[in-house]
All heavy atoms as atom14 arrays in JSON, in Angstrom:
{
  "sequence": "AMGWFRQAPGKEREFVAAISWSGGSTLYA",
  "atom14_mask": [
    [1, 1, 1, 1, 1, 0, 0, 0, 0, 0, 0, 0, 0, 0],
    [1, 1, 1, 1, 1, 1, 1, 1, 0, 0, 0, 0, 0, 0],
    [1, 1, 1, 1, 0, 0, 0, 0, 0, 0, 0, 0, 0, 0],
    [1, 1, 1, 1, 1, 1, 1, 1, 1, 1, 1, 1, 1, 1],
    [1, 1, 1, 1, 1, 1, 1, 1, 1, 1, 1, 0, 0, 0],
    [1, 1, 1, 1, 1, 1, 1, 1, 1, 1, 1, 0, 0, 0],
    [1, 1, 1, 1, 1, 1, 1, 1, 1, 0, 0, 0, 0, 0],
    [1, 1, 1, 1, 1, 0, 0, 0, 0, 0, 0, 0, 0, 0],
    [1, 1, 1, 1, 1, 1, 1, 0, 0, 0, 0, 0, 0, 0],
    [1, 1, 1, 1, 0, 0, 0, 0, 0, 0, 0, 0, 0, 0],
    [1, 1, 1, 1, 1, 1, 1, 1, 1, 0, 0, 0, 0, 0],
    [1, 1, 1, 1, 1, 1, 1, 1, 1, 0, 0, 0, 0, 0],
    [1, 1, 1, 1, 1, 1, 1, 1, 1, 1, 1, 0, 0, 0],
    [1, 1, 1, 1, 1, 1, 1, 1, 1, 0, 0, 0, 0, 0],
    [1, 1, 1, 1, 1, 1, 1, 1, 1, 1, 1, 0, 0, 0],
    [1, 1, 1, 1, 1, 1, 1, 0, 0, 0, 0, 0, 0, 0],
    [1, 1, 1, 1, 1, 0, 0, 0, 0, 0, 0, 0, 0, 0],
    [1, 1, 1, 1, 1, 0, 0, 0, 0, 0, 0, 0, 0, 0],
    [1, 1, 1, 1, 1, 1, 1, 1, 0, 0, 0, 0, 0, 0],
    [1, 1, 1, 1, 1, 1, 0, 0, 0, 0, 0, 0, 0, 0],
    [1, 1, 1, 1, 1, 1, 1, 1, 1, 1, 1, 1, 1, 1],
    [1, 1, 1, 1, 1, 1, 0, 0, 0, 0, 0, 0, 0, 0],
    [1, 1, 1, 1, 0, 0, 0, 0, 0, 0, 0, 0, 0, 0],
    [1, 1, 1, 1, 0, 0, 0, 0, 0, 0, 0, 0, 0, 0],
    [1, 1, 1, 1, 1, 1, 0, 0, 0, 0, 0, 0, 0, 0],
    [1, 1, 1, 1, 1, 1, 1, 0, 0, 0, 0, 0, 0, 0],
    [1, 1, 1, 1, 1, 1, 1, 1, 0, 0, 0, 0, 0, 0],
    [1, 1, 1, 1, 1, 1, 1, 1, 1, 1, 1, 1, 0, 0],
    [1, 1, 1, 1, 1, 0, 0, 0, 0, 0, 0, 0, 0, 0]
  ],
  "atom14_positions": [
    [[94.31, 97.92, 113.26], [95.34, 96.91, 113.39], [96.37, 97.13, 112.28], [96.03, 97.61, 111.2], [94.74, 95.51, 113.28], [0.0, 0.0, 0.0], [0.0, 0.0, 0.0], [0.0, 0.0, 0.0], [0.0, 0.0, 0.0], [0.0, 0.0, 0.0], [0.0, 0.0, 0.0], [0.0, 0.0, 0.0], [0.0, 0.0, 0.0], [0.0, 0.0, 0.0]],
    [[97.61, 96.79, 112.56], [98.7, 96.98, 111.59], [99.46, 95.68, 111.4], [99.54, 94.84, 112.32], [99.66, 98.06, 112.09], [99.03, 99.42, 112.3], [98.45, 100.17, 110.76], [100.02, 100.44, 109.91], [0.0, 0.0, 0.0], [0.0, 0.0, 0.0], [0.0, 0.0, 0.0], [0.0, 0.0, 0.0], [0.0, 0.0, 0.0], [0.0, 0.0, 0.0]],
    [[100.02, 95.53, 110.22], [100.77, 94.32, 109.94], [102.04, 94.61, 109.18], [102.21, 95.69, 108.6], [0.0, 0.0, 0.0], [0.0, 0.0, 0.0], [0.0, 0.0, 0.0], [0.0, 0.0, 0.0], [0.0, 0.0, 0.0], [0.0, 0.0, 0.0], [0.0, 0.0, 0.0], [0.0, 0.0, 0.0], [0.0, 0.0, 0.0], [0.0, 0.0, 0.0]],
    [[102.94, 93.65, 109.22], [104.14, 93.65, 108.41], [104.11, 92.41, 107.51], [103.79, 91.3, 107.98], [105.41, 93.63, 109.26], [105.73, 94.92, 109.93], [105.43, 95.29, 111.21], [106.45, 96.02, 109.36], [105.91, 96.55, 111.46], [106.54, 97.03, 110.35], [107.03, 96.27, 108.11], [107.18, 98.24, 110.12], [107.66, 97.47, 107.9], [107.73, 98.44, 108.89]],
    [[104.46, 92.64, 106.26], [104.56, 91.56, 105.28], [105.91, 91.67, 104.6], [106.59, 92.69, 104.7], [103.44, 91.67, 104.24], [102.08, 91.37, 104.78], [101.39, 92.3, 105.55], [101.48, 90.14, 104.54], [100.13, 92.01, 106.06], [100.23, 89.84, 105.05], [99.56, 90.78, 105.81], [0.0, 0.0, 0.0], [0.0, 0.0, 0.0], [0.0, 0.0, 0.0]],
    [[106.3, 90.62, 103.88], [107.54, 90.68, 103.13], [107.39, 89.92, 101.81], [106.56, 89.01, 101.7], [108.71, 90.13, 103.94], [108.62, 88.65, 104.25], [109.75, 88.25, 105.21], [109.74, 86.82, 105.51], [110.52, 86.25, 106.42], [111.38, 86.98, 107.12], [110.45, 84.94, 106.62], [0.0, 0.0, 0.0], [0.0, 0.0, 0.0], [0.0, 0.0, 0.0]],
    [[108.21, 90.32, 100.86], [108.17, 89.66, 99.56], [109.59, 89.54, 99.01], [110.26, 90.55, 98.8], [107.29, 90.44, 98.58], [107.05, 89.72, 97.28], [105.91, 90.33, 96.48], [105.5, 91.47, 96.73], [105.37, 89.59, 95.54], [0.0, 0.0, 0.0], [0.0, 0.0, 0.0], [0.0, 0.0, 0.0], [0.0, 0.0, 0.0], [0.0, 0.0, 0.0]],
    [[110.01, 88.31, 98.82], [111.32, 88.02, 98.24], [111.16, 87.89, 96.73], [110.06, 87.6, 96.23], [111.88, 86.74, 98.83], [0.0, 0.0, 0.0], [0.0, 0.0, 0.0], [0.0, 0.0, 0.0], [0.0, 0.0, 0.0], [0.0, 0.0, 0.0], [0.0, 0.0, 0.0], [0.0, 0.0, 0.0], [0.0, 0.0, 0.0], [0.0, 0.0, 0.0]],
    [[112.23, 88.08, 95.98], [112.15, 87.97, 94.52], [111.59, 86.62, 94.08], [112.03, 85.57, 94.56], [113.6, 88.13, 94.08], [114.23, 88.94, 95.15], [113.58, 88.49, 96.42], [0.0, 0.0, 0.0], [0.0, 0.0, 0.0], [0.0, 0.0, 0.0], [0.0, 0.0, 0.0], [0.0, 0.0, 0.0], [0.0, 0.0, 0.0], [0.0, 0.0, 0.0]],
    [[110.61, 86.66, 93.2], [110.02, 85.44, 92.68], [109.06, 84.73, 93.61], [108.57, 83.64, 93.29], [0.0, 0.0, 0.0], [0.0, 0.0, 0.0], [0.0, 0.0, 0.0], [0.0, 0.0, 0.0], [0.0, 0.0, 0.0], [0.0, 0.0, 0.0], [0.0, 0.0, 0.0], [0.0, 0.0, 0.0], [0.0, 0.0, 0.0], [0.0, 0.0, 0.0]],
    [[108.78, 85.34, 94.75], [107.87, 84.72, 95.71], [106.68, 85.61, 95.98], [106.71, 86.81, 95.72], [108.61, 84.41, 97.02], [109.72, 83.38, 96.88], [110.28, 83.01, 98.23], [111.34, 81.92, 98.1], [111.88, 81.53, 99.44], [0.0, 0.0, 0.0], [0.0, 0.0, 0.0], [0.0, 0.0, 0.0], [0.0, 0.0, 0.0], [0.0, 0.0, 0.0]],
    [[105.64, 85.01, 96.54], [104.46, 85.77, 96.89], [104.69, 86.55, 98.19], [105.54, 86.19, 99.0], [103.26, 84.84, 97.04], [102.83, 84.18, 95.74], [101.52, 83.45, 95.88], [101.03, 83.31, 97.02], [100.99, 83.0, 94.84], [0.0, 0.0, 0.0], [0.0, 0.0, 0.0], [0.0, 0.0, 0.0], [0.0, 0.0, 0.0], [0.0, 0.0, 0.0]],
    [[103.91, 87.6, 98.35], [103.98, 88.36, 99.59], [103.5, 87.49, 100.74], [102.45, 86.84, 100.64], [103.13, 89.62, 99.46], [103.33, 90.62, 100.56], [102.69, 91.96, 100.21], [103.3, 92.54, 99.01], [103.06, 93.79, 98.59], [102.24, 94.57, 99.28], [103.63, 94.24, 97.51], [0.0, 0.0, 0.0], [0.0, 0.0, 0.0], [0.0, 0.0, 0.0]],
    [[104.26, 87.49, 101.84], [103.89, 86.64, 102.96], [103.79, 87.45, 104.25], [104.46, 88.45, 104.45], [104.92, 85.51, 103.15], [106.3, 85.96, 103.56], [107.22, 84.8, 103.92], [106.77, 83.63, 103.89], [108.39, 85.06, 104.25], [0.0, 0.0, 0.0], [0.0, 0.0, 0.0], [0.0, 0.0, 0.0], [0.0, 0.0, 0.0], [0.0, 0.0, 0.0]],
    [[102.95, 86.96, 105.1], [102.7, 87.58, 106.4], [103.9, 87.42, 107.31], [104.54, 86.37, 107.34], [101.47, 86.93, 107.04], [101.22, 87.33, 108.46], [100.73, 88.58, 108.77], [101.48, 86.44, 109.49], [100.49, 88.95, 110.08], [101.24, 86.79, 110.81], [100.74, 88.04, 111.1], [0.0, 0.0, 0.0], [0.0, 0.0, 0.0], [0.0, 0.0, 0.0]],
    [[104.2, 88.48, 108.08], [105.28, 88.43, 109.06], [104.73, 88.59, 110.48], [104.97, 87.74, 111.34], [106.33, 89.52, 108.78], [107.4, 89.53, 109.87], [106.97, 89.32, 107.41], [0.0, 0.0, 0.0], [0.0, 0.0, 0.0], [0.0, 0.0, 0.0], [0.0, 0.0, 0.0], [0.0, 0.0, 0.0], [0.0, 0.0, 0.0], [0.0, 0.0, 0.0]],
    [[104.01, 89.68, 110.71], [103.51, 89.94, 112.06], [102.37, 90.94, 111.99], [102.25, 91.71, 111.03], [104.62, 90.49, 112.95], [0.0, 0.0, 0.0], [0.0, 0.0, 0.0], [0.0, 0.0, 0.0], [0.0, 0.0, 0.0], [0.0, 0.0, 0.0], [0.0, 0.0, 0.0], [0.0, 0.0, 0.0], [0.0, 0.0, 0.0], [0.0, 0.0, 0.0]],
    [[101.53, 90.94, 113.03], [100.43, 91.9, 113.12], [100.24, 92.3, 114.58], [100.59, 91.55, 115.49], [99.14, 91.31, 112.56], [0.0, 0.0, 0.0], [0.0, 0.0, 0.0], [0.0, 0.0, 0.0], [0.0, 0.0, 0.0], [0.0, 0.0, 0.0], [0.0, 0.0, 0.0], [0.0, 0.0, 0.0], [0.0, 0.0, 0.0], [0.0, 0.0, 0.0]],
    [[99.66, 93.48, 114.76], [99.4, 93.99, 116.1], [98.05, 94.66, 116.12], [97.65, 95.32, 115.17], [100.53, 94.96, 116.55], [100.39, 95.33, 118.01], [100.58, 96.19, 115.66], [101.63, 96.01, 118.58], [0.0, 0.0, 0.0], [0.0, 0.0, 0.0], [0.0, 0.0, 0.0], [0.0, 0.0, 0.0], [0.0, 0.0, 0.0], [0.0, 0.0, 0.0]],
    [[97.31, 94.48, 117.19], [95.98, 95.05, 117.3], [96.03, 96.56, 117.46], [97.07, 97.14, 117.74], [95.25, 94.43, 118.49], [95.91, 94.75, 119.69], [0.0, 0.0, 0.0], [0.0, 0.0, 0.0], [0.0, 0.0, 0.0], [0.0, 0.0, 0.0], [0.0, 0.0, 0.0], [0.0, 0.0, 0.0], [0.0, 0.0, 0.0], [0.0, 0.0, 0.0]],
    [[94.86, 97.2, 117.34], [94.79, 98.66, 117.4], [95.31, 99.19, 118.74], [95.91, 100.25, 118.81], [93.37, 99.14, 117.15], [92.38, 98.65, 118.18], [91.71, 97.46, 118.19], [91.98, 99.34, 119.37], [90.91, 97.37, 119.29], [91.05, 98.51, 120.03], [92.29, 100.58, 119.93], [90.44, 98.88, 121.23], [91.7, 100.95, 121.12], [90.78, 100.1, 121.76]],
    [[95.11, 98.43, 119.8], [95.54, 98.88, 121.12], [96.97, 98.45, 121.45], [97.57, 98.91, 122.42], [94.61, 98.31, 122.19], [94.75, 96.89, 122.23], [0.0, 0.0, 0.0], [0.0, 0.0, 0.0], [0.0, 0.0, 0.0], [0.0, 0.0, 0.0], [0.0, 0.0, 0.0], [0.0, 0.0, 0.0], [0.0, 0.0, 0.0], [0.0, 0.0, 0.0]],
    [[97.5, 97.53, 120.66], [98.82, 96.96, 120.98], [98.75, 95.78, 121.92], [99.78, 95.18, 122.23], [0.0, 0.0, 0.0], [0.0, 0.0, 0.0], [0.0, 0.0, 0.0], [0.0, 0.0, 0.0], [0.0, 0.0, 0.0], [0.0, 0.0, 0.0], [0.0, 0.0, 0.0], [0.0, 0.0, 0.0], [0.0, 0.0, 0.0], [0.0, 0.0, 0.0]],
    [[97.56, 95.42, 122.34], [97.42, 94.37, 123.33], [97.52, 92.95, 122.79], [97.75, 92.0, 123.55], [0.0, 0.0, 0.0], [0.0, 0.0, 0.0], [0.0, 0.0, 0.0], [0.0, 0.0, 0.0], [0.0, 0.0, 0.0], [0.0, 0.0, 0.0], [0.0, 0.0, 0.0], [0.0, 0.0, 0.0], [0.0, 0.0, 0.0], [0.0, 0.0, 0.0]],
    [[97.37, 92.8, 121.48], [97.45, 91.47, 120.87], [98.42, 91.49, 119.7], [98.49, 92.48, 118.97], [96.07, 91.03, 120.36], [95.15, 90.91, 121.42], [0.0, 0.0, 0.0], [0.0, 0.0, 0.0], [0.0, 0.0, 0.0], [0.0, 0.0, 0.0], [0.0, 0.0, 0.0], [0.0, 0.0, 0.0], [0.0, 0.0, 0.0], [0.0, 0.0, 0.0]],
    [[99.15, 90.42, 119.55], [100.08, 90.29, 118.42], [99.95, 88.9, 117.8], [99.45, 87.96, 118.43], [101.54, 90.5, 118.86], [101.85, 89.58, 119.92], [101.76, 91.93, 119.34], [0.0, 0.0, 0.0], [0.0, 0.0, 0.0], [0.0, 0.0, 0.0], [0.0, 0.0, 0.0], [0.0, 0.0, 0.0], [0.0, 0.0, 0.0], [0.0, 0.0, 0.0]],
    [[100.4, 88.82, 116.56], [100.36, 87.56, 115.82], [101.63, 87.49, 114.99], [102.04, 88.5, 114.39], [99.13, 87.52, 114.91], [98.91, 86.28, 114.06], [98.59, 85.08, 114.93], [97.78, 86.52, 113.05], [0.0, 0.0, 0.0], [0.0, 0.0, 0.0], [0.0, 0.0, 0.0], [0.0, 0.0, 0.0], [0.0, 0.0, 0.0], [0.0, 0.0, 0.0]],
    [[102.26, 86.32, 114.95], [103.51, 86.16, 114.2], [103.47, 84.94, 113.3], [102.84, 83.92, 113.62], [104.69, 86.0, 115.17], [104.99, 87.2, 116.01], [104.45, 87.33, 117.29], [105.81, 88.22, 115.53], [104.71, 88.45, 118.07], [106.08, 89.34, 116.3], [105.52, 89.45, 117.57], [105.78, 90.56, 118.33], [0.0, 0.0, 0.0], [0.0, 0.0, 0.0]],
    [[104.17, 85.05, 112.19], [104.41, 83.87, 111.36], [105.37, 82.94, 112.1], [106.24, 83.41, 112.84], [105.01, 84.28, 110.02], [0.0, 0.0, 0.0], [0.0, 0.0, 0.0], [0.0, 0.0, 0.0], [0.0, 0.0, 0.0], [0.0, 0.0, 0.0], [0.0, 0.0, 0.0], [0.0, 0.0, 0.0], [0.0, 0.0, 0.0], [0.0, 0.0, 0.0]]
  ]
}
């Protein structure tokens, strides 16, 4: 599974989106 995260200055790293190994499932902030 793969994910995308982001971090703005002065903030903690936050979750953006994820996708399963097959691409069949996704998750979003």
